[in-house]
């Protein structure tokens, strides 16, 4: 296998700043997107006072970060049961990693997208059954989705790689290899 690209995201302050800036338009996009999902009006009708809602948003966000990384970890284990999964927080970035594990592009794409899809669907169901208000749903779902910019960035990188490439997860990012 030939190494095509090596990405060290954890030590690349420039890319981390760019991703943080990219989260701003992503937040706007996802706010509009999730607002359109609320057109049916199934959410709870009693909006909490502003500061209570803000506390709920912040607390839920912290819990969702943990759940998000646990979902990554579960899919790492699903696709490489012998691989070790590590969790951490560095440079303002929470992460799950399975160092030295290799995945096909498709499996790694699933690892990357599983938390975004699973959490978004879960939040929508909470809204649909009336357990979240419209504003709490749209803000929590939007903030979480915007926080997935690192996953979307990695997805973009592996999508650009040749079809028969594989991805190695590393403690600082990923390596993309081409099978010759």
N, C-alpha and C. Protein backbone atom coordinates (compact mmCIF):
# COMPACT_ATOMS: atom_id res chain seq x y z
N UNK A 1 0.84 -1.19 0.00
CA UNK A 1 0.00 0.00 0.00
C UNK A 1 0.89 1.25 0.00
N UNK A 2 0.40 2.23 -0.71
CA UNK A 2 1.14 3.48 -0.83
C UNK A 2 0.39 4.57 -0.05
N UNK A 3 1.12 5.29 0.81
CA UNK A 3 0.52 6.38 1.57
C UNK A 3 0.21 7.54 0.63
N UNK A 4 -1.07 7.91 0.54
CA UNK A 4 -1.48 9.03 -0.31
C UNK A 4 -1.54 10.34 0.46
N UNK A 5 -2.07 10.28 1.66
CA UNK A 5 -2.26 11.51 2.42
C UNK A 5 -2.20 11.19 3.90
N UNK A 6 -1.51 12.07 4.62
CA UNK A 6 -1.40 11.94 6.07
C UNK A 6 -1.97 13.21 6.68
N UNK A 7 -2.99 13.06 7.52
CA UNK A 7 -3.64 14.22 8.13
C UNK A 7 -3.42 14.17 9.63
N UNK A 8 -2.74 15.20 10.14
CA UNK A 8 -2.52 15.33 11.57
C UNK A 8 -3.36 16.52 12.03
N UNK A 9 -4.61 16.28 12.31
CA UNK A 9 -5.52 17.35 12.68
C UNK A 9 -5.23 17.90 14.07
N UNK A 10 -4.86 17.04 14.99
CA UNK A 10 -4.69 17.47 16.38
C UNK A 10 -3.59 18.51 16.56
N UNK A 11 -2.57 18.47 15.73
CA UNK A 11 -1.47 19.41 15.86
C UNK A 11 -1.51 20.51 14.81
N UNK A 12 -2.56 20.57 14.03
CA UNK A 12 -2.69 21.55 12.95
C UNK A 12 -3.65 22.67 13.39
N UNK A 13 -3.11 23.64 14.11
CA UNK A 13 -3.93 24.73 14.64
C UNK A 13 -4.64 25.51 13.54
N UNK A 14 -3.99 25.65 12.40
CA UNK A 14 -4.58 26.40 11.29
C UNK A 14 -5.86 25.72 10.79
N UNK A 15 -5.82 24.41 10.60
CA UNK A 15 -7.00 23.68 10.14
C UNK A 15 -8.08 23.66 11.21
N UNK A 16 -7.69 23.52 12.47
CA UNK A 16 -8.67 23.53 13.55
C UNK A 16 -9.40 24.88 13.57
N UNK A 17 -8.66 25.98 13.39
CA UNK A 17 -9.30 27.30 13.35
C UNK A 17 -10.23 27.41 12.15
N UNK A 18 -9.81 26.88 11.01
CA UNK A 18 -10.67 26.92 9.82
C UNK A 18 -11.94 26.11 10.03
N UNK A 19 -11.81 24.96 10.66
CA UNK A 19 -13.00 24.14 10.93
C UNK A 19 -13.93 24.85 11.92
N UNK A 20 -13.35 25.50 12.93
CA UNK A 20 -14.18 26.26 13.87
C UNK A 20 -14.91 27.39 13.17
N UNK A 21 -14.25 28.05 12.24
CA UNK A 21 -14.91 29.11 11.47
C UNK A 21 -15.98 28.52 10.54
N UNK A 22 -15.70 27.34 9.97
CA UNK A 22 -16.68 26.69 9.09
C UNK A 22 -17.92 26.28 9.86
N UNK A 23 -17.79 26.11 11.16
CA UNK A 23 -18.95 25.73 11.97
C UNK A 23 -20.00 26.84 12.01
N UNK A 24 -19.60 28.08 11.77
CA UNK A 24 -20.56 29.19 11.82
C UNK A 24 -21.57 29.10 10.67
N UNK A 25 -21.11 29.05 9.40
CA UNK A 25 -22.12 28.88 8.34
C UNK A 25 -22.83 27.53 8.44
N UNK A 26 -22.15 26.51 8.96
CA UNK A 26 -22.81 25.21 9.15
C UNK A 26 -23.95 25.34 10.15
N UNK A 27 -23.74 26.11 11.21
CA UNK A 27 -24.79 26.33 12.20
C UNK A 27 -26.00 27.00 11.55
N UNK A 28 -25.76 28.00 10.73
CA UNK A 28 -26.86 28.69 10.05
C UNK A 28 -27.59 27.72 9.11
N UNK A 29 -26.82 26.97 8.32
CA UNK A 29 -27.43 26.00 7.40
C UNK A 29 -28.29 24.99 8.16
N UNK A 30 -27.73 24.40 9.22
CA UNK A 30 -28.47 23.38 9.95
C UNK A 30 -29.65 23.98 10.72
N UNK A 31 -29.53 25.21 11.17
CA UNK A 31 -30.67 25.84 11.83
C UNK A 31 -31.85 25.96 10.86
N UNK A 32 -31.56 26.39 9.64
CA UNK A 32 -32.61 26.47 8.62
C UNK A 32 -33.15 25.07 8.30
N UNK A 33 -32.24 24.11 8.13
CA UNK A 33 -32.64 22.74 7.80
C UNK A 33 -33.54 22.16 8.89
N UNK A 34 -33.11 22.23 10.15
CA UNK A 34 -33.90 21.65 11.23
C UNK A 34 -35.18 22.44 11.49
N UNK A 35 -35.17 23.73 11.18
CA UNK A 35 -36.41 24.52 11.29
C UNK A 35 -37.45 24.00 10.30
N UNK A 36 -37.01 23.67 9.08
CA UNK A 36 -37.95 23.11 8.10
C UNK A 36 -38.53 21.77 8.57
N UNK A 37 -37.77 21.02 9.34
CA UNK A 37 -38.28 19.74 9.85
C UNK A 37 -39.38 19.93 10.90
N UNK A 38 -39.45 21.12 11.47
CA UNK A 38 -40.44 21.35 12.53
C UNK A 38 -41.76 21.89 12.00
N UNK A 39 -41.92 21.97 10.70
CA UNK A 39 -43.14 22.54 10.10
C UNK A 39 -44.39 21.80 10.57
N UNK A 40 -44.28 20.50 10.79
CA UNK A 40 -45.44 19.72 11.21
C UNK A 40 -45.93 20.11 12.61
N UNK A 41 -45.04 20.68 13.44
CA UNK A 41 -45.45 21.19 14.74
C UNK A 41 -45.77 20.15 15.78
N UNK A 42 -44.95 19.12 15.91
CA UNK A 42 -45.20 18.07 16.90
C UNK A 42 -44.54 18.32 18.25
N UNK A 43 -43.69 19.32 18.35
CA UNK A 43 -42.93 19.54 19.59
C UNK A 43 -43.79 20.02 20.73
N UNK A 44 -43.19 20.02 21.90
CA UNK A 44 -43.86 20.55 23.08
C UNK A 44 -44.13 22.03 22.86
N UNK A 45 -45.19 22.53 23.46
CA UNK A 45 -45.58 23.93 23.21
C UNK A 45 -45.09 24.89 24.28
N UNK A 46 -44.71 24.42 25.43
CA UNK A 46 -44.26 25.30 26.51
C UNK A 46 -42.76 25.54 26.41
N UNK A 47 -42.40 26.66 25.79
CA UNK A 47 -40.98 27.01 25.69
C UNK A 47 -40.48 27.42 27.07
N UNK A 48 -39.29 26.96 27.45
CA UNK A 48 -38.76 27.39 28.74
C UNK A 48 -38.29 28.84 28.67
N UNK A 49 -38.17 29.50 29.83
CA UNK A 49 -37.60 30.85 29.82
C UNK A 49 -36.21 30.81 29.19
N UNK A 50 -35.77 31.95 28.65
CA UNK A 50 -34.52 32.01 27.88
C UNK A 50 -33.34 31.38 28.61
N UNK A 51 -33.09 31.78 29.85
CA UNK A 51 -31.91 31.29 30.57
C UNK A 51 -32.02 29.81 30.90
N UNK A 52 -33.21 29.35 31.18
CA UNK A 52 -33.42 27.91 31.42
C UNK A 52 -33.15 27.15 30.12
N UNK A 53 -33.66 27.65 29.02
CA UNK A 53 -33.41 27.03 27.72
C UNK A 53 -31.93 27.00 27.39
N UNK A 54 -31.22 28.09 27.72
CA UNK A 54 -29.77 28.15 27.47
C UNK A 54 -29.03 27.11 28.31
N UNK A 55 -29.45 26.96 29.56
CA UNK A 55 -28.84 25.94 30.42
C UNK A 55 -29.12 24.53 29.90
N UNK A 56 -30.35 24.31 29.44
CA UNK A 56 -30.70 23.01 28.86
C UNK A 56 -29.85 22.75 27.62
N UNK A 57 -29.70 23.77 26.77
CA UNK A 57 -28.88 23.63 25.56
C UNK A 57 -27.44 23.28 25.91
N UNK A 58 -26.84 24.00 26.85
CA UNK A 58 -25.45 23.75 27.22
C UNK A 58 -25.27 22.36 27.85
N UNK A 59 -26.17 22.01 28.75
CA UNK A 59 -26.07 20.70 29.39
C UNK A 59 -26.26 19.57 28.40
N UNK A 60 -27.26 19.72 27.55
CA UNK A 60 -27.51 18.69 26.53
C UNK A 60 -26.33 18.58 25.57
N UNK A 61 -25.74 19.71 25.21
CA UNK A 61 -24.60 19.70 24.30
C UNK A 61 -23.43 18.90 24.88
N UNK A 62 -23.14 19.09 26.14
CA UNK A 62 -22.05 18.34 26.79
C UNK A 62 -22.35 16.85 26.76
N UNK A 63 -23.58 16.48 27.08
CA UNK A 63 -23.97 15.07 27.04
C UNK A 63 -23.87 14.53 25.61
N UNK A 64 -24.30 15.32 24.62
CA UNK A 64 -24.25 14.87 23.23
C UNK A 64 -22.82 14.70 22.72
N UNK A 65 -21.90 15.51 23.20
CA UNK A 65 -20.49 15.33 22.81
C UNK A 65 -20.02 13.95 23.26
N UNK A 66 -20.36 13.59 24.47
CA UNK A 66 -19.96 12.28 25.00
C UNK A 66 -20.62 11.17 24.20
N UNK A 67 -21.92 11.28 23.97
CA UNK A 67 -22.63 10.27 23.18
C UNK A 67 -22.06 10.19 21.77
N UNK A 68 -21.78 11.34 21.17
CA UNK A 68 -21.21 11.41 19.81
C UNK A 68 -19.93 10.58 19.73
N UNK A 69 -19.03 10.81 20.68
CA UNK A 69 -17.74 10.10 20.65
C UNK A 69 -17.92 8.61 20.97
N UNK A 70 -18.87 8.29 21.84
CA UNK A 70 -19.15 6.87 22.13
C UNK A 70 -19.68 6.15 20.89
N UNK A 71 -20.48 6.85 20.08
CA UNK A 71 -20.98 6.25 18.83
C UNK A 71 -19.83 5.99 17.88
N UNK A 72 -18.91 6.96 17.74
CA UNK A 72 -17.71 6.71 16.93
C UNK A 72 -17.00 5.45 17.44
N UNK A 73 -16.79 5.39 18.75
CA UNK A 73 -16.10 4.26 19.35
C UNK A 73 -16.79 2.94 19.09
N UNK A 74 -18.12 2.93 19.17
CA UNK A 74 -18.88 1.70 18.93
C UNK A 74 -18.70 1.23 17.48
N UNK A 75 -18.70 2.16 16.54
CA UNK A 75 -18.53 1.77 15.14
C UNK A 75 -17.09 1.39 14.83
N UNK A 76 -16.12 2.01 15.49
CA UNK A 76 -14.73 1.55 15.35
C UNK A 76 -14.64 0.08 15.76
N UNK A 77 -15.25 -0.24 16.91
CA UNK A 77 -15.22 -1.62 17.41
C UNK A 77 -16.00 -2.58 16.51
N UNK A 78 -17.12 -2.12 15.98
CA UNK A 78 -17.92 -2.95 15.10
C UNK A 78 -17.11 -3.38 13.88
N UNK A 79 -16.38 -2.45 13.30
CA UNK A 79 -15.64 -2.73 12.07
C UNK A 79 -14.23 -3.27 12.31
N UNK A 80 -13.71 -3.16 13.53
CA UNK A 80 -12.41 -3.75 13.88
C UNK A 80 -12.47 -4.18 15.34
N UNK A 81 -13.09 -5.34 15.60
CA UNK A 81 -13.30 -5.78 16.98
C UNK A 81 -12.01 -5.91 17.80
N UNK A 82 -10.89 -6.17 17.15
CA UNK A 82 -9.62 -6.31 17.88
C UNK A 82 -8.94 -4.97 18.13
N UNK A 83 -9.38 -3.92 17.45
CA UNK A 83 -8.76 -2.61 17.62
C UNK A 83 -9.10 -1.99 18.97
N UNK A 84 -8.15 -1.21 19.48
CA UNK A 84 -8.38 -0.50 20.74
C UNK A 84 -8.98 0.86 20.41
N UNK A 85 -9.93 1.28 21.22
CA UNK A 85 -10.55 2.59 21.06
C UNK A 85 -10.10 3.47 22.22
N UNK A 86 -9.69 4.68 21.87
CA UNK A 86 -9.28 5.65 22.88
C UNK A 86 -10.14 6.90 22.72
N UNK A 87 -10.39 7.57 23.84
CA UNK A 87 -11.16 8.80 23.85
C UNK A 87 -10.29 9.89 24.48
N UNK A 88 -10.50 11.12 24.03
CA UNK A 88 -9.73 12.21 24.60
C UNK A 88 -10.30 13.56 24.23
N UNK A 89 -9.59 14.58 24.71
CA UNK A 89 -9.95 15.97 24.45
C UNK A 89 -8.63 16.73 24.34
N UNK A 90 -8.41 17.35 23.18
CA UNK A 90 -7.16 18.08 22.95
C UNK A 90 -7.45 19.26 22.03
N UNK A 91 -6.86 20.40 22.32
CA UNK A 91 -7.01 21.61 21.50
C UNK A 91 -8.47 21.99 21.28
N UNK A 92 -9.30 21.76 22.28
CA UNK A 92 -10.71 22.11 22.16
C UNK A 92 -11.51 21.12 21.34
N UNK A 93 -10.93 19.96 21.06
CA UNK A 93 -11.59 18.96 20.22
C UNK A 93 -11.74 17.66 21.01
N UNK A 94 -12.98 17.20 21.16
CA UNK A 94 -13.22 15.87 21.74
C UNK A 94 -13.04 14.86 20.61
N UNK A 95 -12.50 13.69 20.93
CA UNK A 95 -12.28 12.72 19.87
C UNK A 95 -12.34 11.29 20.38
N UNK A 96 -12.62 10.41 19.44
CA UNK A 96 -12.50 8.97 19.64
C UNK A 96 -11.55 8.51 18.55
N UNK A 97 -10.69 7.59 18.88
CA UNK A 97 -9.73 7.10 17.90
C UNK A 97 -9.50 5.62 18.11
N UNK A 98 -9.15 4.95 17.04
CA UNK A 98 -8.77 3.54 17.09
C UNK A 98 -7.44 3.43 16.35
N UNK A 99 -6.36 3.84 17.02
CA UNK A 99 -5.06 3.91 16.35
C UNK A 99 -4.64 2.59 15.72
N UNK A 100 -4.07 2.71 14.55
CA UNK A 100 -3.51 1.58 13.79
C UNK A 100 -4.58 0.63 13.26
N UNK A 101 -5.82 1.07 13.24
CA UNK A 101 -6.89 0.27 12.64
C UNK A 101 -7.10 0.75 11.21
N UNK A 102 -7.36 -0.20 10.33
CA UNK A 102 -7.58 0.11 8.92
C UNK A 102 -9.03 -0.17 8.54
N UNK A 103 -9.59 0.71 7.70
CA UNK A 103 -10.98 0.60 7.29
C UNK A 103 -11.10 0.91 5.80
N UNK A 104 -12.08 0.31 5.17
CA UNK A 104 -12.40 0.71 3.80
C UNK A 104 -12.96 2.12 3.85
N UNK A 105 -12.99 2.78 2.71
CA UNK A 105 -13.57 4.12 2.66
C UNK A 105 -15.03 4.10 3.13
N UNK A 106 -15.78 3.11 2.70
CA UNK A 106 -17.19 3.02 3.07
C UNK A 106 -17.39 2.84 4.57
N UNK A 107 -16.61 1.95 5.18
CA UNK A 107 -16.75 1.72 6.61
C UNK A 107 -16.32 2.95 7.41
N UNK A 108 -15.27 3.61 6.95
CA UNK A 108 -14.83 4.81 7.67
C UNK A 108 -15.86 5.93 7.52
N UNK A 109 -16.50 6.00 6.36
CA UNK A 109 -17.57 6.99 6.17
C UNK A 109 -18.71 6.73 7.15
N UNK A 110 -19.03 5.47 7.38
CA UNK A 110 -20.07 5.13 8.34
C UNK A 110 -19.64 5.54 9.75
N UNK A 111 -18.38 5.26 10.10
CA UNK A 111 -17.86 5.68 11.41
C UNK A 111 -18.01 7.19 11.58
N UNK A 112 -17.70 7.93 10.52
CA UNK A 112 -17.76 9.39 10.58
C UNK A 112 -19.19 9.92 10.68
N UNK A 113 -20.11 9.32 9.92
CA UNK A 113 -21.48 9.85 9.84
C UNK A 113 -22.44 9.31 10.89
N UNK A 114 -22.12 8.19 11.51
CA UNK A 114 -23.04 7.56 12.45
C UNK A 114 -23.50 8.49 13.58
N UNK A 115 -22.60 9.23 14.23
CA UNK A 115 -23.08 10.12 15.30
C UNK A 115 -24.00 11.23 14.79
N UNK A 116 -23.65 11.84 13.66
CA UNK A 116 -24.48 12.90 13.10
C UNK A 116 -25.88 12.38 12.80
N UNK A 117 -25.95 11.26 12.11
CA UNK A 117 -27.25 10.70 11.72
C UNK A 117 -28.02 10.20 12.94
N UNK A 118 -27.36 9.42 13.78
CA UNK A 118 -28.04 8.85 14.94
C UNK A 118 -28.56 9.90 15.90
N UNK A 119 -27.74 10.88 16.22
CA UNK A 119 -28.16 11.91 17.16
C UNK A 119 -29.23 12.80 16.54
N UNK A 120 -29.07 13.15 15.25
CA UNK A 120 -30.08 13.99 14.59
C UNK A 120 -31.44 13.30 14.56
N UNK A 121 -31.45 12.01 14.23
CA UNK A 121 -32.70 11.26 14.20
C UNK A 121 -33.27 11.15 15.62
N UNK A 122 -32.42 10.87 16.58
CA UNK A 122 -32.88 10.78 17.96
C UNK A 122 -33.50 12.08 18.46
N UNK A 123 -32.85 13.19 18.17
CA UNK A 123 -33.39 14.49 18.58
C UNK A 123 -34.71 14.77 17.88
N UNK A 124 -34.78 14.42 16.59
CA UNK A 124 -36.04 14.64 15.88
C UNK A 124 -37.17 13.82 16.50
N UNK A 125 -36.88 12.59 16.88
CA UNK A 125 -37.90 11.76 17.52
C UNK A 125 -38.34 12.37 18.85
N UNK A 126 -37.38 12.91 19.62
CA UNK A 126 -37.73 13.60 20.87
C UNK A 126 -38.67 14.77 20.57
N UNK A 127 -38.38 15.49 19.51
CA UNK A 127 -39.25 16.60 19.10
C UNK A 127 -40.61 16.07 18.65
N UNK A 128 -40.59 15.07 17.79
CA UNK A 128 -41.82 14.53 17.20
C UNK A 128 -42.80 14.03 18.27
N UNK A 129 -42.25 13.42 19.32
CA UNK A 129 -43.12 12.90 20.38
C UNK A 129 -43.42 13.93 21.46
N UNK A 130 -43.02 15.18 21.23
CA UNK A 130 -43.37 16.26 22.14
C UNK A 130 -42.48 16.38 23.36
N UNK A 131 -41.30 15.75 23.35
CA UNK A 131 -40.40 15.82 24.49
C UNK A 131 -39.42 16.98 24.38
N UNK A 132 -39.36 17.60 23.20
CA UNK A 132 -38.55 18.81 22.99
C UNK A 132 -39.43 19.87 22.33
N UNK A 133 -39.21 21.10 22.71
CA UNK A 133 -39.91 22.19 22.04
C UNK A 133 -39.25 22.47 20.70
N UNK A 134 -39.91 23.26 19.88
CA UNK A 134 -39.36 23.62 18.57
C UNK A 134 -38.00 24.28 18.73
N UNK A 135 -37.91 25.27 19.61
CA UNK A 135 -36.65 26.01 19.73
C UNK A 135 -35.54 25.14 20.31
N UNK A 136 -35.86 24.32 21.31
CA UNK A 136 -34.82 23.44 21.86
C UNK A 136 -34.35 22.44 20.81
N UNK A 137 -35.28 21.85 20.08
CA UNK A 137 -34.89 20.91 19.03
C UNK A 137 -34.00 21.58 17.99
N UNK A 138 -34.45 22.71 17.45
CA UNK A 138 -33.68 23.34 16.37
C UNK A 138 -32.30 23.77 16.86
N UNK A 139 -32.21 24.33 18.05
CA UNK A 139 -30.90 24.78 18.54
C UNK A 139 -29.99 23.61 18.91
N UNK A 140 -30.51 22.63 19.64
CA UNK A 140 -29.67 21.49 20.03
C UNK A 140 -29.20 20.73 18.79
N UNK A 141 -30.11 20.43 17.88
CA UNK A 141 -29.74 19.70 16.67
C UNK A 141 -28.77 20.49 15.80
N UNK A 142 -28.98 21.80 15.71
CA UNK A 142 -28.12 22.64 14.88
C UNK A 142 -26.71 22.77 15.46
N UNK A 143 -26.64 22.99 16.76
CA UNK A 143 -25.32 23.11 17.41
C UNK A 143 -24.56 21.80 17.30
N UNK A 144 -25.25 20.68 17.52
CA UNK A 144 -24.57 19.39 17.37
C UNK A 144 -24.09 19.19 15.94
N UNK A 145 -24.97 19.42 14.97
CA UNK A 145 -24.61 19.20 13.57
C UNK A 145 -23.44 20.09 13.15
N UNK A 146 -23.45 21.34 13.59
CA UNK A 146 -22.34 22.24 13.27
C UNK A 146 -21.04 21.76 13.90
N UNK A 147 -21.16 21.08 15.03
CA UNK A 147 -19.97 20.54 15.70
C UNK A 147 -19.40 19.33 14.98
N UNK A 148 -20.11 18.82 14.01
CA UNK A 148 -19.65 17.67 13.24
C UNK A 148 -18.74 18.08 12.07
N UNK A 149 -18.32 19.34 12.01
CA UNK A 149 -17.53 19.80 10.85
C UNK A 149 -16.25 19.01 10.68
N UNK A 150 -15.63 18.57 11.76
CA UNK A 150 -14.42 17.75 11.64
C UNK A 150 -14.71 16.42 10.97
N UNK A 151 -15.83 15.81 11.32
CA UNK A 151 -16.24 14.56 10.68
C UNK A 151 -16.54 14.80 9.20
N UNK A 152 -17.21 15.90 8.89
CA UNK A 152 -17.52 16.21 7.50
C UNK A 152 -16.24 16.49 6.70
N UNK A 153 -15.27 17.12 7.34
CA UNK A 153 -13.98 17.39 6.70
C UNK A 153 -13.28 16.08 6.35
N UNK A 154 -13.22 15.16 7.31
CA UNK A 154 -12.61 13.85 7.04
C UNK A 154 -13.38 13.11 5.96
N UNK A 155 -14.70 13.21 5.98
CA UNK A 155 -15.52 12.57 4.95
C UNK A 155 -15.17 13.12 3.57
N UNK A 156 -15.01 14.43 3.48
CA UNK A 156 -14.61 15.08 2.23
C UNK A 156 -13.25 14.54 1.76
N UNK A 157 -12.31 14.41 2.68
CA UNK A 157 -10.97 13.93 2.30
C UNK A 157 -11.00 12.49 1.80
N UNK A 158 -11.76 11.63 2.46
CA UNK A 158 -11.78 10.24 2.00
C UNK A 158 -12.61 10.09 0.73
N UNK A 159 -13.60 10.96 0.54
CA UNK A 159 -14.40 10.91 -0.70
C UNK A 159 -13.53 11.24 -1.91
N UNK A 160 -12.55 12.11 -1.72
CA UNK A 160 -11.65 12.50 -2.82
C UNK A 160 -10.62 11.42 -3.14
N UNK A 161 -10.40 10.48 -2.23
CA UNK A 161 -9.39 9.44 -2.44
C UNK A 161 -9.89 8.44 -3.48
N UNK A 162 -8.95 7.78 -4.16
CA UNK A 162 -9.35 6.77 -5.16
C UNK A 162 -10.24 5.68 -4.55
N UNK A 163 -11.02 5.04 -5.41
CA UNK A 163 -12.03 4.07 -4.97
C UNK A 163 -11.46 2.94 -4.12
N UNK A 164 -10.31 2.43 -4.47
CA UNK A 164 -9.77 1.28 -3.73
C UNK A 164 -8.78 1.71 -2.64
N UNK A 165 -9.03 2.84 -2.03
CA UNK A 165 -8.19 3.33 -0.94
C UNK A 165 -8.68 2.75 0.38
N UNK A 166 -7.81 2.79 1.36
CA UNK A 166 -8.22 2.43 2.71
C UNK A 166 -7.74 3.53 3.65
N UNK A 167 -8.35 3.56 4.83
CA UNK A 167 -8.08 4.62 5.79
C UNK A 167 -7.54 3.99 7.07
N UNK A 168 -6.45 4.56 7.55
CA UNK A 168 -5.91 4.17 8.84
C UNK A 168 -6.24 5.27 9.84
N UNK A 169 -6.87 4.90 10.92
CA UNK A 169 -7.13 5.87 11.97
C UNK A 169 -5.85 6.02 12.79
N UNK A 170 -5.51 7.24 13.15
CA UNK A 170 -4.34 7.49 13.98
C UNK A 170 -4.76 8.32 15.19
N UNK A 171 -3.88 8.44 16.15
CA UNK A 171 -4.20 9.21 17.35
C UNK A 171 -4.32 10.70 17.07
N UNK A 172 -3.80 11.15 15.94
CA UNK A 172 -3.82 12.59 15.62
C UNK A 172 -4.64 12.92 14.38
N UNK A 173 -5.16 11.92 13.70
CA UNK A 173 -5.92 12.17 12.48
C UNK A 173 -6.14 10.88 11.72
N UNK A 174 -5.72 10.89 10.47
CA UNK A 174 -5.86 9.67 9.67
C UNK A 174 -4.84 9.65 8.54
N UNK A 175 -4.63 8.47 8.04
CA UNK A 175 -3.78 8.25 6.88
C UNK A 175 -4.63 7.58 5.81
N UNK A 176 -4.46 8.02 4.58
CA UNK A 176 -5.17 7.41 3.46
C UNK A 176 -4.16 6.69 2.59
N UNK A 177 -4.43 5.42 2.33
CA UNK A 177 -3.54 4.59 1.53
C UNK A 177 -4.25 4.15 0.25
N UNK A 178 -3.45 3.95 -0.77
CA UNK A 178 -3.96 3.42 -2.04
C UNK A 178 -3.43 2.01 -2.20
N UNK A 179 -4.36 1.08 -2.42
CA UNK A 179 -3.94 -0.29 -2.66
C UNK A 179 -3.48 -0.43 -4.09
N UNK A 180 -2.26 -0.87 -4.26
CA UNK A 180 -1.71 -0.98 -5.62
C UNK A 180 -1.90 -2.36 -6.18
